[in-house]
Amino acid sequence: MGTTTKLSLEEFQKLQDTAEETVRYELDEGELIVTPSPTSRHNIVRYRLRRALTDFVQLNNLGLVLDETDFQLAPDVVRKPDIAFVPKERIHTLDLDRSPLKGAPALAVEVISPSNLAQDTVKKVRQYFAAGSQAVWLVYPVLCLIEIHDATGVRDVTEPGSLTEQRLFSGFAFSLSLTALFDSNPER
């Protein structure tokens, strides 16, 4: 059995400052997690979802959409969701010039790669909720599926359906066709 070296938040931040831009780290209860570079398909799906969500949030003046931003969920937990939504009433509490941002986003979106382990994904969802997230969306490009975790439980939306959400967005209804999101043509 291997030995795990625990890192403090300060040690994690120093490592982040010296790391190459292509290396992605998270801190999981003091344990350093190195995440592999995402695939092109992962990036295409993330980009499409982020673009749709950003356009919607800006149009309705609802807050801020970020991608791959560090959030400190606990003293020894830093996660980097693929996409995060922070409502406008919370933006003034954040120091946008420092990393990690303290607290959880209202919405954390994780695009799941084939290499992601189920147990790690479940743990991450629990950490987001424990820190105050209202919803976590798990996006599975290979399965053409989004698993929505929120206060009402867990529900799946599959292609050719649409993702529809309004509780998070002050009654404004966000909707996105999964057919468009998971379209195999990368030029769309």
N, C-alpha and C. Protein backbone atom coordinates (compact mmCIF):
# COMPACT_ATOMS: atom_id res chain seq x y z
N MET A 1 0.84 -1.18 0.00
CA MET A 1 0.00 0.00 0.00
C MET A 1 0.88 1.24 0.00
N GLY A 2 0.60 2.20 -0.87
CA GLY A 2 1.42 3.40 -0.99
C GLY A 2 1.13 4.41 0.10
N THR A 3 2.04 5.34 0.24
CA THR A 3 1.89 6.42 1.21
C THR A 3 1.46 7.67 0.47
N THR A 4 0.50 8.38 1.03
CA THR A 4 0.03 9.61 0.44
C THR A 4 0.58 10.78 1.25
N THR A 5 1.17 11.73 0.56
CA THR A 5 1.66 12.93 1.22
C THR A 5 0.57 13.99 1.14
N LYS A 6 0.22 14.54 2.29
CA LYS A 6 -0.81 15.57 2.35
C LYS A 6 -0.18 16.94 2.15
N LEU A 7 -0.89 17.82 1.47
CA LEU A 7 -0.44 19.19 1.24
C LEU A 7 -1.37 20.16 1.95
N SER A 8 -0.80 21.24 2.43
CA SER A 8 -1.62 22.33 2.96
C SER A 8 -2.09 23.18 1.78
N LEU A 9 -3.03 24.07 2.03
CA LEU A 9 -3.49 24.98 0.98
C LEU A 9 -2.33 25.85 0.49
N GLU A 10 -1.49 26.31 1.40
CA GLU A 10 -0.35 27.15 1.02
C GLU A 10 0.62 26.38 0.11
N GLU A 11 0.91 25.13 0.43
CA GLU A 11 1.79 24.31 -0.40
C GLU A 11 1.16 24.07 -1.78
N PHE A 12 -0.15 23.85 -1.79
CA PHE A 12 -0.87 23.66 -3.04
C PHE A 12 -0.76 24.92 -3.91
N GLN A 13 -0.95 26.09 -3.30
CA GLN A 13 -0.89 27.35 -4.06
C GLN A 13 0.51 27.59 -4.62
N LYS A 14 1.55 27.27 -3.85
CA LYS A 14 2.92 27.42 -4.35
C LYS A 14 3.16 26.51 -5.55
N LEU A 15 2.66 25.29 -5.46
CA LEU A 15 2.80 24.35 -6.56
C LEU A 15 2.08 24.87 -7.80
N GLN A 16 0.89 25.43 -7.61
CA GLN A 16 0.12 26.00 -8.72
C GLN A 16 0.89 27.14 -9.38
N ASP A 17 1.55 27.96 -8.57
CA ASP A 17 2.28 29.11 -9.10
C ASP A 17 3.44 28.70 -9.99
N THR A 18 4.04 27.54 -9.73
CA THR A 18 5.21 27.09 -10.49
C THR A 18 4.87 26.07 -11.57
N ALA A 19 3.63 25.61 -11.61
CA ALA A 19 3.25 24.56 -12.56
C ALA A 19 3.12 25.11 -13.98
N GLU A 20 3.34 24.22 -14.93
CA GLU A 20 3.12 24.57 -16.33
C GLU A 20 1.61 24.73 -16.54
N GLU A 21 1.24 25.57 -17.49
CA GLU A 21 -0.18 25.82 -17.74
C GLU A 21 -0.94 24.57 -18.16
N THR A 22 -0.25 23.61 -18.74
CA THR A 22 -0.92 22.41 -19.23
C THR A 22 -1.21 21.41 -18.12
N VAL A 23 -0.64 21.61 -16.93
CA VAL A 23 -0.87 20.69 -15.82
C VAL A 23 -2.00 21.23 -14.96
N ARG A 24 -2.98 20.37 -14.70
CA ARG A 24 -4.14 20.75 -13.90
C ARG A 24 -4.09 20.02 -12.57
N TYR A 25 -4.22 20.77 -11.49
CA TYR A 25 -4.21 20.17 -10.15
C TYR A 25 -5.51 20.48 -9.43
N GLU A 26 -5.89 19.56 -8.55
CA GLU A 26 -6.94 19.80 -7.57
C GLU A 26 -6.40 19.28 -6.24
N LEU A 27 -7.01 19.75 -5.15
CA LEU A 27 -6.62 19.31 -3.82
C LEU A 27 -7.83 18.62 -3.21
N ASP A 28 -7.67 17.34 -2.90
CA ASP A 28 -8.78 16.53 -2.38
C ASP A 28 -8.44 16.07 -0.95
N GLU A 29 -8.98 16.82 0.02
CA GLU A 29 -8.72 16.53 1.43
C GLU A 29 -7.22 16.43 1.70
N GLY A 30 -6.48 17.39 1.12
CA GLY A 30 -5.04 17.46 1.32
C GLY A 30 -4.23 16.65 0.33
N GLU A 31 -4.88 15.79 -0.45
CA GLU A 31 -4.17 14.97 -1.42
C GLU A 31 -4.13 15.67 -2.77
N LEU A 32 -2.93 15.76 -3.36
CA LEU A 32 -2.77 16.39 -4.66
C LEU A 32 -3.29 15.46 -5.75
N ILE A 33 -4.18 15.98 -6.57
CA ILE A 33 -4.73 15.23 -7.70
C ILE A 33 -4.25 15.91 -8.98
N VAL A 34 -3.58 15.15 -9.83
CA VAL A 34 -3.16 15.65 -11.14
C VAL A 34 -4.17 15.11 -12.14
N THR A 35 -4.81 16.01 -12.87
CA THR A 35 -5.80 15.57 -13.84
C THR A 35 -5.20 15.60 -15.23
N PRO A 36 -5.49 14.57 -16.02
CA PRO A 36 -4.92 14.53 -17.37
C PRO A 36 -5.50 15.62 -18.26
N SER A 37 -4.77 15.95 -19.31
CA SER A 37 -5.28 16.91 -20.27
C SER A 37 -6.57 16.38 -20.88
N PRO A 38 -7.56 17.26 -21.04
CA PRO A 38 -8.82 16.81 -21.62
C PRO A 38 -8.68 16.50 -23.11
N THR A 39 -9.55 15.63 -23.58
CA THR A 39 -9.57 15.31 -25.01
C THR A 39 -10.20 16.45 -25.80
N SER A 40 -10.06 16.41 -27.08
CA SER A 40 -10.68 17.43 -27.93
C SER A 40 -12.20 17.38 -27.79
N ARG A 41 -12.79 16.17 -27.75
CA ARG A 41 -14.25 16.04 -27.60
C ARG A 41 -14.70 16.70 -26.29
N HIS A 42 -13.98 16.46 -25.21
CA HIS A 42 -14.28 17.07 -23.92
C HIS A 42 -14.30 18.59 -24.05
N ASN A 43 -13.27 19.14 -24.69
CA ASN A 43 -13.17 20.59 -24.85
C ASN A 43 -14.28 21.16 -25.73
N ILE A 44 -14.65 20.45 -26.77
CA ILE A 44 -15.72 20.91 -27.66
C ILE A 44 -17.04 20.98 -26.90
N VAL A 45 -17.35 19.92 -26.17
CA VAL A 45 -18.61 19.90 -25.39
C VAL A 45 -18.58 20.98 -24.32
N ARG A 46 -17.45 21.12 -23.62
CA ARG A 46 -17.34 22.16 -22.58
C ARG A 46 -17.54 23.54 -23.20
N TYR A 47 -16.90 23.79 -24.32
CA TYR A 47 -17.01 25.09 -24.98
C TYR A 47 -18.46 25.39 -25.37
N ARG A 48 -19.13 24.42 -25.97
CA ARG A 48 -20.52 24.64 -26.40
C ARG A 48 -21.43 24.95 -25.21
N LEU A 49 -21.27 24.19 -24.12
CA LEU A 49 -22.10 24.41 -22.95
C LEU A 49 -21.77 25.75 -22.29
N ARG A 50 -20.49 26.05 -22.18
CA ARG A 50 -20.09 27.33 -21.57
C ARG A 50 -20.60 28.50 -22.39
N ARG A 51 -20.48 28.42 -23.71
CA ARG A 51 -20.94 29.51 -24.58
C ARG A 51 -22.44 29.73 -24.41
N ALA A 52 -23.23 28.65 -24.42
CA ALA A 52 -24.69 28.77 -24.27
C ALA A 52 -25.04 29.34 -22.90
N LEU A 53 -24.38 28.84 -21.87
CA LEU A 53 -24.66 29.31 -20.51
C LEU A 53 -24.23 30.77 -20.33
N THR A 54 -23.07 31.13 -20.85
CA THR A 54 -22.59 32.51 -20.76
C THR A 54 -23.53 33.46 -21.48
N ASP A 55 -23.95 33.12 -22.69
CA ASP A 55 -24.88 33.98 -23.44
C ASP A 55 -26.16 34.18 -22.65
N PHE A 56 -26.71 33.11 -22.08
CA PHE A 56 -27.95 33.18 -21.29
C PHE A 56 -27.76 34.04 -20.04
N VAL A 57 -26.70 33.82 -19.30
CA VAL A 57 -26.45 34.55 -18.06
C VAL A 57 -26.22 36.03 -18.34
N GLN A 58 -25.47 36.36 -19.38
CA GLN A 58 -25.23 37.76 -19.72
C GLN A 58 -26.50 38.44 -20.21
N LEU A 59 -27.28 37.77 -21.05
CA LEU A 59 -28.52 38.33 -21.57
C LEU A 59 -29.47 38.71 -20.44
N ASN A 60 -29.51 37.90 -19.39
CA ASN A 60 -30.44 38.11 -18.29
C ASN A 60 -29.79 38.76 -17.06
N ASN A 61 -28.52 39.17 -17.19
CA ASN A 61 -27.80 39.84 -16.11
C ASN A 61 -27.87 39.05 -14.80
N LEU A 62 -27.49 37.77 -14.87
CA LEU A 62 -27.67 36.87 -13.73
C LEU A 62 -26.40 36.64 -12.92
N GLY A 63 -25.24 36.97 -13.48
CA GLY A 63 -24.01 36.70 -12.73
C GLY A 63 -22.84 36.46 -13.66
N LEU A 64 -22.06 35.44 -13.29
CA LEU A 64 -20.79 35.20 -13.96
C LEU A 64 -20.64 33.71 -14.24
N VAL A 65 -20.17 33.38 -15.45
CA VAL A 65 -19.85 32.01 -15.81
C VAL A 65 -18.34 31.93 -15.99
N LEU A 66 -17.73 30.97 -15.31
CA LEU A 66 -16.28 30.79 -15.35
C LEU A 66 -15.96 29.39 -15.83
N ASP A 67 -14.79 29.22 -16.42
CA ASP A 67 -14.35 27.86 -16.73
C ASP A 67 -12.99 27.61 -16.12
N GLU A 68 -12.81 26.36 -15.67
CA GLU A 68 -11.57 25.89 -15.09
C GLU A 68 -10.98 26.87 -14.08
N THR A 69 -11.79 27.28 -13.13
CA THR A 69 -11.39 28.20 -12.06
C THR A 69 -11.35 27.42 -10.75
N ASP A 70 -10.29 27.63 -9.97
CA ASP A 70 -10.16 26.97 -8.67
C ASP A 70 -11.13 27.56 -7.65
N PHE A 71 -11.85 26.67 -6.96
CA PHE A 71 -12.73 27.05 -5.86
C PHE A 71 -12.28 26.29 -4.61
N GLN A 72 -12.06 27.02 -3.53
CA GLN A 72 -11.71 26.38 -2.26
C GLN A 72 -13.01 26.00 -1.56
N LEU A 73 -13.30 24.71 -1.53
CA LEU A 73 -14.54 24.20 -0.97
C LEU A 73 -14.44 23.93 0.52
N ALA A 74 -13.23 23.71 1.00
CA ALA A 74 -12.95 23.44 2.42
C ALA A 74 -11.48 23.79 2.63
N PRO A 75 -11.01 23.82 3.89
CA PRO A 75 -9.61 24.19 4.12
C PRO A 75 -8.61 23.34 3.33
N ASP A 76 -8.95 22.09 3.05
CA ASP A 76 -8.03 21.20 2.33
C ASP A 76 -8.62 20.63 1.05
N VAL A 77 -9.61 21.35 0.48
CA VAL A 77 -10.24 20.90 -0.77
C VAL A 77 -10.32 22.07 -1.75
N VAL A 78 -9.68 21.90 -2.90
CA VAL A 78 -9.76 22.87 -3.99
C VAL A 78 -10.16 22.10 -5.25
N ARG A 79 -11.27 22.50 -5.82
CA ARG A 79 -11.76 21.85 -7.04
C ARG A 79 -11.80 22.86 -8.17
N LYS A 80 -11.67 22.34 -9.40
CA LYS A 80 -11.64 23.16 -10.61
C LYS A 80 -12.72 22.64 -11.56
N PRO A 81 -13.98 23.08 -11.35
CA PRO A 81 -15.02 22.60 -12.27
C PRO A 81 -14.75 23.06 -13.70
N ASP A 82 -15.21 22.27 -14.64
CA ASP A 82 -15.05 22.66 -16.04
C ASP A 82 -15.78 23.97 -16.31
N ILE A 83 -16.95 24.14 -15.71
CA ILE A 83 -17.75 25.36 -15.85
C ILE A 83 -18.36 25.65 -14.48
N ALA A 84 -18.44 26.92 -14.13
CA ALA A 84 -19.06 27.31 -12.86
C ALA A 84 -19.93 28.54 -13.08
N PHE A 85 -21.06 28.58 -12.38
CA PHE A 85 -21.92 29.76 -12.39
C PHE A 85 -21.95 30.35 -10.99
N VAL A 86 -21.68 31.66 -10.92
CA VAL A 86 -21.75 32.41 -9.67
C VAL A 86 -22.82 33.49 -9.85
N PRO A 87 -23.87 33.48 -9.02
CA PRO A 87 -24.92 34.50 -9.16
C PRO A 87 -24.41 35.90 -8.86
N LYS A 88 -25.03 36.91 -9.47
CA LYS A 88 -24.53 38.28 -9.35
C LYS A 88 -24.50 38.76 -7.91
N GLU A 89 -25.42 38.31 -7.07
CA GLU A 89 -25.41 38.76 -5.68
C GLU A 89 -24.23 38.22 -4.89
N ARG A 90 -23.53 37.24 -5.42
CA ARG A 90 -22.37 36.68 -4.72
C ARG A 90 -21.04 37.20 -5.28
N ILE A 91 -21.04 37.78 -6.45
CA ILE A 91 -19.80 38.20 -7.09
C ILE A 91 -19.02 39.17 -6.22
N HIS A 92 -19.70 40.11 -5.58
CA HIS A 92 -18.99 41.12 -4.78
C HIS A 92 -18.29 40.52 -3.57
N THR A 93 -18.61 39.29 -3.19
CA THR A 93 -17.94 38.64 -2.05
C THR A 93 -16.66 37.93 -2.47
N LEU A 94 -16.41 37.86 -3.76
CA LEU A 94 -15.24 37.14 -4.28
C LEU A 94 -14.11 38.10 -4.65
N ASP A 95 -12.89 37.67 -4.43
CA ASP A 95 -11.73 38.41 -4.90
C ASP A 95 -11.31 37.76 -6.21
N LEU A 96 -11.73 38.36 -7.31
CA LEU A 96 -11.50 37.78 -8.63
C LEU A 96 -10.05 37.85 -9.07
N ASP A 97 -9.20 38.50 -8.28
CA ASP A 97 -7.77 38.57 -8.60
C ASP A 97 -6.96 37.55 -7.83
N ARG A 98 -7.62 36.72 -7.04
CA ARG A 98 -6.93 35.69 -6.25
C ARG A 98 -7.46 34.31 -6.61
N SER A 99 -6.59 33.34 -6.44
CA SER A 99 -6.98 31.95 -6.66
C SER A 99 -6.46 31.13 -5.49
N PRO A 100 -7.28 30.26 -4.97
CA PRO A 100 -8.62 29.90 -5.39
C PRO A 100 -9.68 30.87 -4.87
N LEU A 101 -10.85 30.87 -5.52
CA LEU A 101 -11.99 31.61 -5.01
C LEU A 101 -12.52 30.85 -3.80
N LYS A 102 -12.88 31.58 -2.77
CA LYS A 102 -13.38 30.93 -1.55
C LYS A 102 -14.86 30.61 -1.68
N GLY A 103 -15.22 29.38 -1.35
CA GLY A 103 -16.60 28.94 -1.41
C GLY A 103 -16.89 28.21 -2.71
N ALA A 104 -18.12 27.76 -2.79
CA ALA A 104 -18.54 26.96 -3.95
C ALA A 104 -19.35 27.80 -4.93
N PRO A 105 -19.28 27.46 -6.21
CA PRO A 105 -20.18 28.11 -7.16
C PRO A 105 -21.60 27.60 -6.95
N ALA A 106 -22.60 28.37 -7.36
CA ALA A 106 -23.99 27.90 -7.27
C ALA A 106 -24.17 26.66 -8.13
N LEU A 107 -23.52 26.66 -9.29
CA LEU A 107 -23.56 25.53 -10.21
C LEU A 107 -22.13 25.13 -10.57
N ALA A 108 -21.83 23.86 -10.42
CA ALA A 108 -20.56 23.30 -10.88
C ALA A 108 -20.87 22.29 -11.98
N VAL A 109 -20.18 22.40 -13.09
CA VAL A 109 -20.36 21.48 -14.21
C VAL A 109 -19.06 20.72 -14.42
N GLU A 110 -19.16 19.41 -14.44
CA GLU A 110 -18.01 18.55 -14.70
C GLU A 110 -18.29 17.74 -15.96
N VAL A 111 -17.41 17.88 -16.95
CA VAL A 111 -17.50 17.06 -18.16
C VAL A 111 -16.70 15.80 -17.86
N ILE A 112 -17.38 14.65 -17.92
CA ILE A 112 -16.80 13.39 -17.48
C ILE A 112 -16.10 12.69 -18.65
N SER A 113 -14.85 12.35 -18.41
CA SER A 113 -14.05 11.61 -19.40
C SER A 113 -14.07 10.13 -19.07
N PRO A 114 -13.80 9.26 -20.03
CA PRO A 114 -13.78 7.82 -19.76
C PRO A 114 -12.82 7.43 -18.63
N SER A 115 -11.78 8.23 -18.40
CA SER A 115 -10.81 7.90 -17.36
C SER A 115 -11.27 8.28 -15.95
N ASN A 116 -12.36 9.05 -15.83
CA ASN A 116 -12.86 9.44 -14.51
C ASN A 116 -13.48 8.25 -13.80
N LEU A 117 -13.10 8.05 -12.54
CA LEU A 117 -13.66 6.96 -11.73
C LEU A 117 -14.96 7.42 -11.08
N ALA A 118 -15.93 6.52 -11.02
CA ALA A 118 -17.23 6.85 -10.43
C ALA A 118 -17.08 7.30 -8.98
N GLN A 119 -16.25 6.61 -8.21
CA GLN A 119 -16.10 6.96 -6.79
C GLN A 119 -15.51 8.36 -6.62
N ASP A 120 -14.61 8.76 -7.50
CA ASP A 120 -14.04 10.11 -7.43
C ASP A 120 -15.08 11.16 -7.81
N THR A 121 -15.90 10.85 -8.79
CA THR A 121 -16.93 11.78 -9.24
C THR A 121 -17.98 11.97 -8.15
N VAL A 122 -18.41 10.89 -7.50
CA VAL A 122 -19.39 10.98 -6.41
C VAL A 122 -18.83 11.82 -5.27
N LYS A 123 -17.58 11.59 -4.94
CA LYS A 123 -16.93 12.36 -3.86
C LYS A 123 -16.91 13.84 -4.20
N LYS A 124 -16.57 14.15 -5.44
CA LYS A 124 -16.51 15.55 -5.88
C LYS A 124 -17.89 16.21 -5.78
N VAL A 125 -18.94 15.51 -6.21
CA VAL A 125 -20.31 16.04 -6.11
C VAL A 125 -20.64 16.34 -4.66
N ARG A 126 -20.32 15.43 -3.76
CA ARG A 126 -20.59 15.63 -2.33
C ARG A 126 -19.82 16.83 -1.78
N GLN A 127 -18.59 17.02 -2.24
CA GLN A 127 -17.79 18.16 -1.78
C GLN A 127 -18.41 19.48 -2.25
N TYR A 128 -18.89 19.53 -3.47
CA TYR A 128 -19.54 20.75 -3.96
C TYR A 128 -20.76 21.08 -3.10
N PHE A 129 -21.60 20.09 -2.84
CA PHE A 129 -22.80 20.34 -2.04
C PHE A 129 -22.47 20.71 -0.60
N ALA A 130 -21.49 20.06 -0.01
CA ALA A 130 -21.10 20.37 1.37
C ALA A 130 -20.61 21.82 1.48
N ALA A 131 -20.04 22.34 0.40
CA ALA A 131 -19.53 23.72 0.40
C ALA A 131 -20.58 24.75 0.00
N GLY A 132 -21.77 24.30 -0.41
CA GLY A 132 -22.84 25.24 -0.71
C GLY A 132 -23.35 25.31 -2.13
N SER A 133 -22.85 24.47 -3.03
CA SER A 133 -23.39 24.48 -4.40
C SER A 133 -24.86 24.08 -4.37
N GLN A 134 -25.63 24.67 -5.27
CA GLN A 134 -27.05 24.34 -5.39
C GLN A 134 -27.30 23.22 -6.39
N ALA A 135 -26.38 23.08 -7.34
CA ALA A 135 -26.53 22.04 -8.36
C ALA A 135 -25.17 21.66 -8.92
N VAL A 136 -25.08 20.41 -9.35
CA VAL A 136 -23.91 19.90 -10.06
C VAL A 136 -24.42 19.16 -11.28
N TRP A 137 -23.88 19.52 -12.44
CA TRP A 137 -24.23 18.83 -13.67
C TRP A 137 -23.04 17.99 -14.08
N LEU A 138 -23.28 16.70 -14.27
CA LEU A 138 -22.25 15.79 -14.78
C LEU A 138 -22.58 15.53 -16.25
N VAL A 139 -21.69 15.91 -17.12
CA VAL A 139 -21.91 15.82 -18.57
C VAL A 139 -21.09 14.65 -19.10
N TYR A 140 -21.77 13.70 -19.72
CA TYR A 140 -21.13 12.49 -20.26
C TYR A 140 -21.20 12.53 -21.79
N PRO A 141 -20.16 13.06 -22.45
CA PRO A 141 -20.19 13.16 -23.92
C PRO A 141 -20.34 11.81 -24.62
N VAL A 142 -19.68 10.77 -24.12
CA VAL A 142 -19.74 9.46 -24.76
C VAL A 142 -21.15 8.88 -24.70
N LEU A 143 -21.87 9.14 -23.61
CA LEU A 143 -23.22 8.62 -23.42
C LEU A 143 -24.31 9.57 -23.90
N CYS A 144 -23.92 10.79 -24.29
CA CYS A 144 -24.88 11.83 -24.69
C CYS A 144 -25.92 12.03 -23.59
N LEU A 145 -25.41 12.27 -22.37
CA LEU A 145 -26.23 12.31 -21.17
C LEU A 145 -25.73 13.40 -20.24
N ILE A 146 -26.67 14.08 -19.57
CA ILE A 146 -26.33 14.99 -18.48
C ILE A 146 -27.08 14.50 -17.24
N GLU A 147 -26.33 14.31 -16.17
CA GLU A 147 -26.90 13.90 -14.88
C GLU A 147 -26.95 15.14 -14.01
N ILE A 148 -28.16 15.53 -13.61
CA ILE A 148 -28.36 16.75 -12.84
C ILE A 148 -28.57 16.40 -11.38
N HIS A 149 -27.69 16.92 -10.52
CA HIS A 149 -27.80 16.73 -9.07
C HIS A 149 -28.23 18.07 -8.48
N ASP A 150 -29.35 18.06 -7.72
CA ASP A 150 -29.77 19.28 -7.03
C ASP A 150 -30.61 18.90 -5.82
N ALA A 151 -31.27 19.87 -5.20
CA ALA A 151 -32.03 19.62 -3.97
C ALA A 151 -33.18 18.64 -4.17
N THR A 152 -33.63 18.47 -5.40
CA THR A 152 -34.74 17.55 -5.65
C THR A 152 -34.27 16.12 -5.88
N GLY A 153 -32.96 15.92 -5.98
CA GLY A 153 -32.42 14.58 -6.21
C GLY A 153 -31.54 14.56 -7.44
N VAL A 154 -31.60 13.46 -8.16
CA VAL A 154 -30.79 13.27 -9.36
C VAL A 154 -31.73 12.92 -10.51
N ARG A 155 -31.51 13.58 -11.64
CA ARG A 155 -32.29 13.25 -12.83
C ARG A 155 -31.37 13.27 -14.04
N ASP A 156 -31.72 12.46 -15.02
CA ASP A 156 -30.93 12.35 -16.25
C ASP A 156 -31.67 13.00 -17.40
N VAL A 157 -30.92 13.65 -18.26
CA VAL A 157 -31.45 14.16 -19.52
C VAL A 157 -30.58 13.54 -20.60
N THR A 158 -31.21 12.89 -21.57
CA THR A 158 -30.47 12.23 -22.63
C THR A 158 -30.87 12.81 -23.99
N GLU A 159 -29.96 12.66 -24.91
CA GLU A 159 -30.23 13.06 -26.28
C GLU A 159 -31.36 12.19 -26.82
N PRO A 160 -32.35 12.70 -27.48
CA PRO A 160 -32.49 13.99 -28.11
C PRO A 160 -33.19 15.05 -27.25
N GLY A 161 -33.28 14.85 -25.96
CA GLY A 161 -33.94 15.80 -25.07
C GLY A 161 -33.17 17.10 -24.94
N SER A 162 -33.71 17.98 -24.10
CA SER A 162 -33.08 19.26 -23.84
C SER A 162 -32.87 19.43 -22.35
N LEU A 163 -31.79 20.06 -22.00
CA LEU A 163 -31.52 20.43 -20.63
C LEU A 163 -32.29 21.72 -20.36
N THR A 164 -33.14 21.72 -19.35
CA THR A 164 -33.90 22.91 -18.98
C THR A 164 -33.74 23.14 -17.49
N GLU A 165 -33.40 24.37 -17.12
CA GLU A 165 -33.17 24.71 -15.72
C GLU A 165 -33.61 26.15 -15.47
N GLN A 166 -34.38 26.37 -14.40
CA GLN A 166 -34.70 27.75 -14.06
C GLN A 166 -34.54 28.05 -12.57
N ARG A 167 -34.56 27.04 -11.72
CA ARG A 167 -34.39 27.29 -10.28
C ARG A 167 -33.11 28.04 -9.97
N LEU A 168 -32.04 27.72 -10.63
CA LEU A 168 -30.75 28.36 -10.39
C LEU A 168 -30.68 29.78 -10.90
N PHE A 169 -31.56 30.13 -11.81
CA PHE A 169 -31.42 31.36 -12.56
C PHE A 169 -32.57 32.34 -12.32
N SER A 170 -32.96 32.50 -11.07
CA SER A 170 -33.97 33.49 -10.67
C SER A 170 -35.25 33.43 -11.51
N GLY A 171 -35.65 32.22 -11.87
CA GLY A 171 -36.88 32.04 -12.63
C GLY A 171 -36.72 32.12 -14.13
N PHE A 172 -35.57 32.58 -14.61
CA PHE A 172 -35.31 32.57 -16.05
C PHE A 172 -35.01 31.14 -16.47
N ALA A 173 -35.57 30.72 -17.61
CA ALA A 173 -35.41 29.34 -18.04
C ALA A 173 -34.27 29.19 -19.04
N PHE A 174 -33.24 28.46 -18.63
CA PHE A 174 -32.14 28.09 -19.51
C PHE A 174 -32.51 26.78 -20.19
N SER A 175 -32.31 26.71 -21.49
CA SER A 175 -32.61 25.47 -22.22
C SER A 175 -31.55 25.26 -23.29
N LEU A 176 -31.14 24.00 -23.42
CA LEU A 176 -30.13 23.65 -24.41
C LEU A 176 -30.42 22.27 -24.96
N SER A 177 -30.46 22.18 -26.26
CA SER A 177 -30.67 20.90 -26.93
C SER A 177 -29.43 20.02 -26.77
N LEU A 178 -29.62 18.80 -26.29
CA LEU A 178 -28.49 17.89 -26.15
C LEU A 178 -28.00 17.42 -27.52
N THR A 179 -28.86 17.43 -28.51
CA THR A 179 -28.43 17.08 -29.86
C THR A 179 -27.40 18.09 -30.35
N ALA A 180 -27.64 19.38 -30.09
CA ALA A 180 -26.67 20.41 -30.47
C ALA A 180 -25.40 20.31 -29.62
N LEU A 181 -25.56 20.04 -28.33
CA LEU A 181 -24.40 19.96 -27.45
C LEU A 181 -23.46 18.82 -27.83
N PHE A 182 -24.05 17.66 -28.13
CA PHE A 182 -23.23 16.48 -28.40
C PHE A 182 -23.03 16.21 -29.88
N ASP A 183 -23.39 17.15 -30.75
CA ASP A 183 -23.22 17.00 -32.20
C ASP A 183 -21.80 16.54 -32.49
N SER A 184 -21.67 15.50 -33.31
CA SER A 184 -20.34 14.95 -33.61
C SER A 184 -19.54 15.81 -34.58
N ASN A 185 -20.18 16.79 -35.21
CA ASN A 185 -19.46 17.69 -36.11
C ASN A 185 -18.78 18.78 -35.27
N PRO A 186 -17.47 18.77 -35.16
CA PRO A 186 -16.77 19.73 -34.30
C PRO A 186 -16.84 21.17 -34.78
N GLU A 187 -17.29 21.40 -36.02
CA GLU A 187 -17.34 22.74 -36.55
C GLU A 187 -18.59 23.50 -36.15
N ARG A 188 -19.53 22.83 -35.48
CA ARG A 188 -20.79 23.48 -35.11
C ARG A 188 -20.74 24.01 -33.72
